[in-house]
Amino acid sequence: MIIEQTNIPDLLLITPNVYADERGYFMESYNQKKTEVLIKEKFVQDNESVSKKNVLRGLHLQLPPFAQAKLVRVIRGSILDVAVDLRKESRTYGQHFKHVLSGENKKQLFVPAGFAHGFLSLEDDTILNYKCSDYYNAKSEVSLLWNDPDFEIEWGITDPILTEKDRLAEKFATFENPF
């Protein structure tokens, strides 16, 4: 397993060892002992979603005391995965990191609590799975505007498929940030 630091502290890109042959492949998608030096969180919930091409989900987060760290991976298809640093004391506050995660490259992104997270599905029937360090709490969920000019995220799309919640999401400038 290769664990890489990104340009944003604590945000990690993980590449598992994949053992492939003519039958298919095997990989450990998660091993607490191998990651515990860098990932201190214990995961309590796994979520899975299926998205059509051009579906954009996010930018989502949960507020304390229900803030979540996430370990995100794609089982089938591909996404442009984006995490925005909302930690006020961080030198990368307000900056984002993006990377293509796919069923083919099997890379994973560890997103600590204190980040907004979102993704754009690049293919039909993309299956995303992510581990969470806390349970979902609807009252603590927040959506920040996916195309907020303060974030300067180049998604490569101008008219994604959005939920009403994401279409009406809050701007970063008015967000009461508890992180």
C-alpha atoms as a PDB file:
ATOM      1  CA  MET A   1       0.000   0.000   0.000  1.00  0.00           C
ATOM      2  CA  ILE A   2       1.420   3.399  -0.978  1.00  0.00           C
ATOM      3  CA  ILE A   3       0.258   6.394   1.083  1.00  0.00           C
ATOM      4  CA  GLU A   4       1.084   9.797  -0.388  1.00  0.00           C
ATOM      5  CA  GLN A   5       0.749  13.211   1.228  1.00  0.00           C
ATOM      6  CA  THR A   6      -1.014  15.669  -1.085  1.00  0.00           C
ATOM      7  CA  ASN A   7      -0.311  19.404  -1.276  1.00  0.00           C
ATOM      8  CA  ILE A   8      -2.840  19.832   1.561  1.00  0.00           C
ATOM      9  CA  PRO A   9      -1.716  18.578   5.001  1.00  0.00           C
ATOM     10  CA  ASP A  10      -3.490  15.435   6.272  1.00  0.00           C
ATOM     11  CA  LEU A  11      -5.263  14.828   2.934  1.00  0.00           C
ATOM     12  CA  LEU A  12      -3.880  11.500   1.710  1.00  0.00           C
ATOM     13  CA  LEU A  13      -3.882   9.657  -1.611  1.00  0.00           C
ATOM     14  CA  ILE A  14      -3.712   5.891  -1.090  1.00  0.00           C
ATOM     15  CA  THR A  15      -2.827   3.314  -3.718  1.00  0.00           C
ATOM     16  CA  PRO A  16      -3.462  -0.285  -2.622  1.00  0.00           C
ATOM     17  CA  ASN A  17      -1.421  -3.230  -3.832  1.00  0.00           C
ATOM     18  CA  VAL A  18      -3.413  -5.050  -6.490  1.00  0.00           C
ATOM     19  CA  TYR A  19      -2.665  -8.659  -7.338  1.00  0.00           C
ATOM     20  CA  ALA A  20      -4.056  -9.467 -10.777  1.00  0.00           C
ATOM     21  CA  ASP A  21      -3.931 -12.535 -12.954  1.00  0.00           C
ATOM     22  CA  GLU A  22      -6.051 -14.205 -15.632  1.00  0.00           C
ATOM     23  CA  ARG A  23      -8.787 -14.902 -13.013  1.00  0.00           C
ATOM     24  CA  GLY A  24      -9.211 -11.250 -11.973  1.00  0.00           C
ATOM     25  CA  TYR A  25      -7.648  -9.423  -9.048  1.00  0.00           C
ATOM     26  CA  PHE A  26      -7.368  -9.220  -5.271  1.00  0.00           C
ATOM     27  CA  MET A  27      -6.588  -6.189  -3.100  1.00  0.00           C
ATOM     28  CA  GLU A  28      -6.901  -5.029   0.481  1.00  0.00           C
ATOM     29  CA  SER A  29      -9.063  -1.936   0.195  1.00  0.00           C
ATOM     30  CA  TYR A  30      -8.431  -1.022   3.832  1.00  0.00           C
ATOM     31  CA  ASN A  31      -6.097  -2.226   6.568  1.00  0.00           C
ATOM     32  CA  GLN A  32      -6.130  -0.289   9.834  1.00  0.00           C
ATOM     33  CA  LYS A  33      -2.694  -1.526  10.905  1.00  0.00           C
ATOM     34  CA  LYS A  34      -1.094  -0.319   7.664  1.00  0.00           C
ATOM     35  CA  THR A  35      -2.702   3.131   7.808  1.00  0.00           C
ATOM     36  CA  GLU A  36      -2.845   3.895  11.551  1.00  0.00           C
ATOM     37  CA  VAL A  37       0.388   5.911  11.541  1.00  0.00           C
ATOM     38  CA  LEU A  38      -1.307   8.560   9.375  1.00  0.00           C
ATOM     39  CA  ILE A  39      -5.029   7.868   9.808  1.00  0.00           C
ATOM     40  CA  LYS A  40      -6.086   7.996  13.455  1.00  0.00           C
ATOM     41  CA  GLU A  41      -9.827   7.847  12.848  1.00  0.00           C
ATOM     42  CA  LYS A  42     -11.889   4.720  13.369  1.00  0.00           C
ATOM     43  CA  PHE A  43     -14.482   4.165  10.678  1.00  0.00           C
ATOM     44  CA  VAL A  44     -18.051   3.396  11.803  1.00  0.00           C
ATOM     45  CA  GLN A  45     -20.156   3.580   8.638  1.00  0.00           C
ATOM     46  CA  ASP A  46     -19.737   2.638   4.967  1.00  0.00           C
ATOM     47  CA  ASN A  47     -21.752   4.388   2.265  1.00  0.00           C
ATOM     48  CA  GLU A  48     -22.173   3.549  -1.403  1.00  0.00           C
ATOM     49  CA  SER A  49     -23.661   5.522  -4.270  1.00  0.00           C
ATOM     50  CA  VAL A  50     -24.240   4.943  -7.964  1.00  0.00           C
ATOM     51  CA  SER A  51     -24.172   7.921 -10.318  1.00  0.00           C
ATOM     52  CA  LYS A  52     -24.799   8.584 -13.978  1.00  0.00           C
ATOM     53  CA  LYS A  53     -22.236  10.529 -16.012  1.00  0.00           C
ATOM     54  CA  ASN A  54     -22.184  14.284 -15.195  1.00  0.00           C
ATOM     55  CA  VAL A  55     -23.808  13.864 -11.764  1.00  0.00           C
ATOM     56  CA  LEU A  56     -22.087  16.197  -9.318  1.00  0.00           C
ATOM     57  CA  ARG A  57     -22.551  15.499  -5.614  1.00  0.00           C
ATOM     58  CA  GLY A  58     -21.258  18.097  -3.187  1.00  0.00           C
ATOM     59  CA  LEU A  59     -19.598  19.938  -1.781  1.00  0.00           C
ATOM     60  CA  HIS A  60     -20.803  18.252   1.429  1.00  0.00           C
ATOM     61  CA  LEU A  61     -19.711  18.134   5.054  1.00  0.00           C
ATOM     62  CA  GLN A  62     -21.081  17.520   8.515  1.00  0.00           C
ATOM     63  CA  LEU A  63     -20.614  20.041  11.302  1.00  0.00           C
ATOM     64  CA  PRO A  64     -19.179  19.183  14.724  1.00  0.00           C
ATOM     65  CA  PRO A  65     -19.860  17.241  16.828  1.00  0.00           C
ATOM     66  CA  PHE A  66     -20.780  14.975  13.895  1.00  0.00           C
ATOM     67  CA  ALA A  67     -17.925  15.971  11.559  1.00  0.00           C
ATOM     68  CA  GLN A  68     -16.714  13.047   9.474  1.00  0.00           C
ATOM     69  CA  ALA A  69     -13.432  11.918   8.029  1.00  0.00           C
ATOM     70  CA  LYS A  70     -13.928   9.851   4.859  1.00  0.00           C
ATOM     71  CA  LEU A  71     -11.970   7.257   2.927  1.00  0.00           C
ATOM     72  CA  VAL A  72     -13.291   7.426  -0.635  1.00  0.00           C
ATOM     73  CA  ARG A  73     -12.835   4.885  -3.408  1.00  0.00           C
ATOM     74  CA  VAL A  74     -14.464   3.999  -6.716  1.00  0.00           C
ATOM     75  CA  ILE A  75     -15.463   0.409  -7.378  1.00  0.00           C
ATOM     76  CA  ARG A  76     -16.607   0.893 -10.989  1.00  0.00           C
ATOM     77  CA  GLY A  77     -16.350   3.864 -13.341  1.00  0.00           C
ATOM     78  CA  SER A  78     -14.545   7.093 -12.469  1.00  0.00           C
ATOM     79  CA  ILE A  79     -14.961  10.391 -10.672  1.00  0.00           C
ATOM     80  CA  LEU A  80     -13.215  13.703 -10.335  1.00  0.00           C
ATOM     81  CA  ASP A  81     -12.904  13.783  -6.547  1.00  0.00           C
ATOM     82  CA  VAL A  82     -12.538  17.150  -4.799  1.00  0.00           C
ATOM     83  CA  ALA A  83     -11.782  18.091  -1.192  1.00  0.00           C
ATOM     84  CA  VAL A  84     -11.711  21.679   0.137  1.00  0.00           C
ATOM     85  CA  ASP A  85      -9.767  22.540   3.295  1.00  0.00           C
ATOM     86  CA  LEU A  86     -12.060  24.406   5.726  1.00  0.00           C
ATOM     87  CA  ARG A  87      -9.705  24.277   8.725  1.00  0.00           C
ATOM     88  CA  LYS A  88      -9.169  27.947   9.624  1.00  0.00           C
ATOM     89  CA  GLU A  89      -5.724  27.335  11.167  1.00  0.00           C
ATOM     90  CA  SER A  90      -4.442  25.439   8.126  1.00  0.00           C
ATOM     91  CA  ARG A  91      -1.939  27.074   5.757  1.00  0.00           C
ATOM     92  CA  THR A  92      -4.094  25.678   2.916  1.00  0.00           C
ATOM     93  CA  TYR A  93      -7.403  27.077   4.235  1.00  0.00           C
ATOM     94  CA  GLY A  94      -9.896  27.495   1.384  1.00  0.00           C
ATOM     95  CA  GLN A  95      -7.712  25.566  -1.073  1.00  0.00           C
ATOM     96  CA  HIS A  96      -8.801  22.398  -2.831  1.00  0.00           C
ATOM     97  CA  PHE A  97      -7.280  19.166  -4.067  1.00  0.00           C
ATOM     98  CA  LYS A  98      -8.721  17.142  -6.920  1.00  0.00           C
ATOM     99  CA  HIS A  99      -7.835  13.788  -8.387  1.00  0.00           C
ATOM    100  CA  VAL A 100      -9.436  11.200 -10.656  1.00  0.00           C
ATOM    101  CA  LEU A 101     -10.372   8.066  -8.730  1.00  0.00           C
ATOM    102  CA  SER A 102     -11.484   5.076 -10.754  1.00  0.00           C
ATOM    103  CA  GLY A 103     -12.250   1.408 -10.616  1.00  0.00           C
ATOM    104  CA  GLU A 104      -9.223   0.975 -12.836  1.00  0.00           C
ATOM    105  CA  ASN A 105      -6.598   2.923 -10.845  1.00  0.00           C
ATOM    106  CA  LYS A 106      -8.091   1.839  -7.481  1.00  0.00           C
ATOM    107  CA  LYS A 107      -6.716   4.959  -5.760  1.00  0.00           C
ATOM    108  CA  GLN A 108      -8.422   6.203  -2.603  1.00  0.00           C
ATOM    109  CA  LEU A 109      -8.614   9.633  -1.019  1.00  0.00           C
ATOM    110  CA  PHE A 110      -8.560  10.086   2.736  1.00  0.00           C
ATOM    111  CA  VAL A 111     -10.486  13.271   3.565  1.00  0.00           C
ATOM    112  CA  PRO A 112     -10.109  14.408   7.198  1.00  0.00           C
ATOM    113  CA  ALA A 113     -12.885  16.092   9.171  1.00  0.00           C
ATOM    114  CA  GLY A 114     -12.853  19.818   8.468  1.00  0.00           C
ATOM    115  CA  PHE A 115     -13.041  19.413   4.694  1.00  0.00           C
ATOM    116  CA  ALA A 116     -15.903  19.804   2.243  1.00  0.00           C
ATOM    117  CA  HIS A 117     -16.050  16.901  -0.208  1.00  0.00           C
ATOM    118  CA  GLY A 118     -17.642  16.446  -3.598  1.00  0.00           C
ATOM    119  CA  PHE A 119     -17.272  14.539  -6.825  1.00  0.00           C
ATOM    120  CA  LEU A 120     -18.258  14.591 -10.479  1.00  0.00           C
ATOM    121  CA  SER A 121     -19.123  11.239 -12.051  1.00  0.00           C
ATOM    122  CA  LEU A 122     -17.183  10.849 -15.306  1.00  0.00           C
ATOM    123  CA  GLU A 123     -18.990   7.697 -16.480  1.00  0.00           C
ATOM    124  CA  ASP A 124     -22.449   6.156 -16.308  1.00  0.00           C
ATOM    125  CA  ASP A 125     -23.063   3.663 -13.516  1.00  0.00           C
ATOM    126  CA  THR A 126     -20.093   4.810 -11.449  1.00  0.00           C
ATOM    127  CA  ILE A 127     -20.077   3.111  -8.043  1.00  0.00           C
ATOM    128  CA  LEU A 128     -18.462   5.022  -5.192  1.00  0.00           C
ATOM    129  CA  ASN A 129     -17.865   3.611  -1.720  1.00  0.00           C
ATOM    130  CA  TYR A 130     -16.649   5.568   1.288  1.00  0.00           C
ATOM    131  CA  LYS A 131     -15.953   4.897   4.920  1.00  0.00           C
ATOM    132  CA  CYS A 132     -17.003   7.507   7.514  1.00  0.00           C
ATOM    133  CA  SER A 133     -15.569   8.183  10.965  1.00  0.00           C
ATOM    134  CA  ASP A 134     -18.935   9.239  12.396  1.00  0.00           C
ATOM    135  CA  TYR A 135     -22.553   8.392  11.740  1.00  0.00           C
ATOM    136  CA  TYR A 136     -24.657  10.469   9.370  1.00  0.00           C
ATOM    137  CA  ASN A 137     -26.606  13.238  11.105  1.00  0.00           C
ATOM    138  CA  ALA A 138     -29.045  15.095   8.832  1.00  0.00           C
ATOM    139  CA  LYS A 139     -29.200  18.199  11.064  1.00  0.00           C
ATOM    140  CA  SER A 140     -25.450  18.708  10.880  1.00  0.00           C
ATOM    141  CA  GLU A 141     -25.157  18.305   7.095  1.00  0.00           C
ATOM    142  CA  VAL A 142     -24.096  21.342   5.060  1.00  0.00           C
ATOM    143  CA  SER A 143     -23.713  21.811   1.314  1.00  0.00           C
ATOM    144  CA  LEU A 144     -21.359  24.444  -0.063  1.00  0.00           C
ATOM    145  CA  LEU A 145     -21.799  25.698  -3.610  1.00  0.00           C
ATOM    146  CA  TRP A 146     -19.932  23.429  -6.030  1.00  0.00           C
ATOM    147  CA  ASN A 147     -18.962  26.288  -8.355  1.00  0.00           C
ATOM    148  CA  ASP A 148     -18.300  28.971  -5.718  1.00  0.00           C
ATOM    149  CA  PRO A 149     -15.758  31.376  -7.263  1.00  0.00           C
ATOM    150  CA  ASP A 150     -13.904  31.536  -3.919  1.00  0.00           C
ATOM    151  CA  PHE A 151     -12.799  27.918  -4.409  1.00  0.00           C
ATOM    152  CA  GLU A 152     -11.710  28.242  -8.062  1.00  0.00           C
ATOM    153  CA  ILE A 153     -12.412  24.554  -8.754  1.00  0.00           C
ATOM    154  CA  GLU A 154     -12.176  23.633 -12.435  1.00  0.00           C
ATOM    155  CA  TRP A 155     -14.670  20.794 -12.727  1.00  0.00           C
ATOM    156  CA  GLY A 156     -14.575  20.620 -16.530  1.00  0.00           C
ATOM    157  CA  ILE A 157     -18.361  21.016 -16.737  1.00  0.00           C
ATOM    158  CA  THR A 158     -20.725  24.001 -16.612  1.00  0.00           C
ATOM    159  CA  ASP A 159     -24.101  22.286 -16.306  1.00  0.00           C
ATOM    160  CA  PRO A 160     -23.816  19.152 -14.139  1.00  0.00           C
ATOM    161  CA  ILE A 161     -26.741  17.104 -12.892  1.00  0.00           C
ATOM    162  CA  LEU A 162     -27.433  18.401  -9.362  1.00  0.00           C
ATOM    163  CA  THR A 163     -29.928  17.845  -6.575  1.00  0.00           C
ATOM    164  CA  GLU A 164     -31.971  20.816  -5.427  1.00  0.00           C
ATOM    165  CA  LYS A 165     -29.899  20.841  -2.219  1.00  0.00           C
ATOM    166  CA  ASP A 166     -26.659  21.225  -4.185  1.00  0.00           C
ATOM    167  CA  ARG A 167     -28.148  23.759  -6.592  1.00  0.00           C
ATOM    168  CA  LEU A 168     -29.175  25.969  -3.633  1.00  0.00           C
ATOM    169  CA  ALA A 169     -26.031  25.323  -1.563  1.00  0.00           C
ATOM    170  CA  GLU A 170     -24.445  27.942   0.655  1.00  0.00           C
ATOM    171  CA  LYS A 171     -21.642  30.241  -0.478  1.00  0.00           C
ATOM    172  CA  PHE A 172     -18.301  30.001   1.298  1.00  0.00           C
ATOM    173  CA  ALA A 173     -18.410  33.733   2.128  1.00  0.00           C
ATOM    174  CA  THR A 174     -21.565  33.287   4.242  1.00  0.00           C
ATOM    175  CA  PHE A 175     -20.673  29.903   5.749  1.00  0.00           C
ATOM    176  CA  GLU A 176     -20.340  30.042   9.566  1.00  0.00           C
ATOM    177  CA  ASN A 177     -17.281  27.856   9.763  1.00  0.00           C
ATOM    178  CA  PRO A 178     -16.834  25.896  13.022  1.00  0.00           C
ATOM    179  CA  PHE A 179     -13.533  24.366  11.942  1.00  0.00           C
END
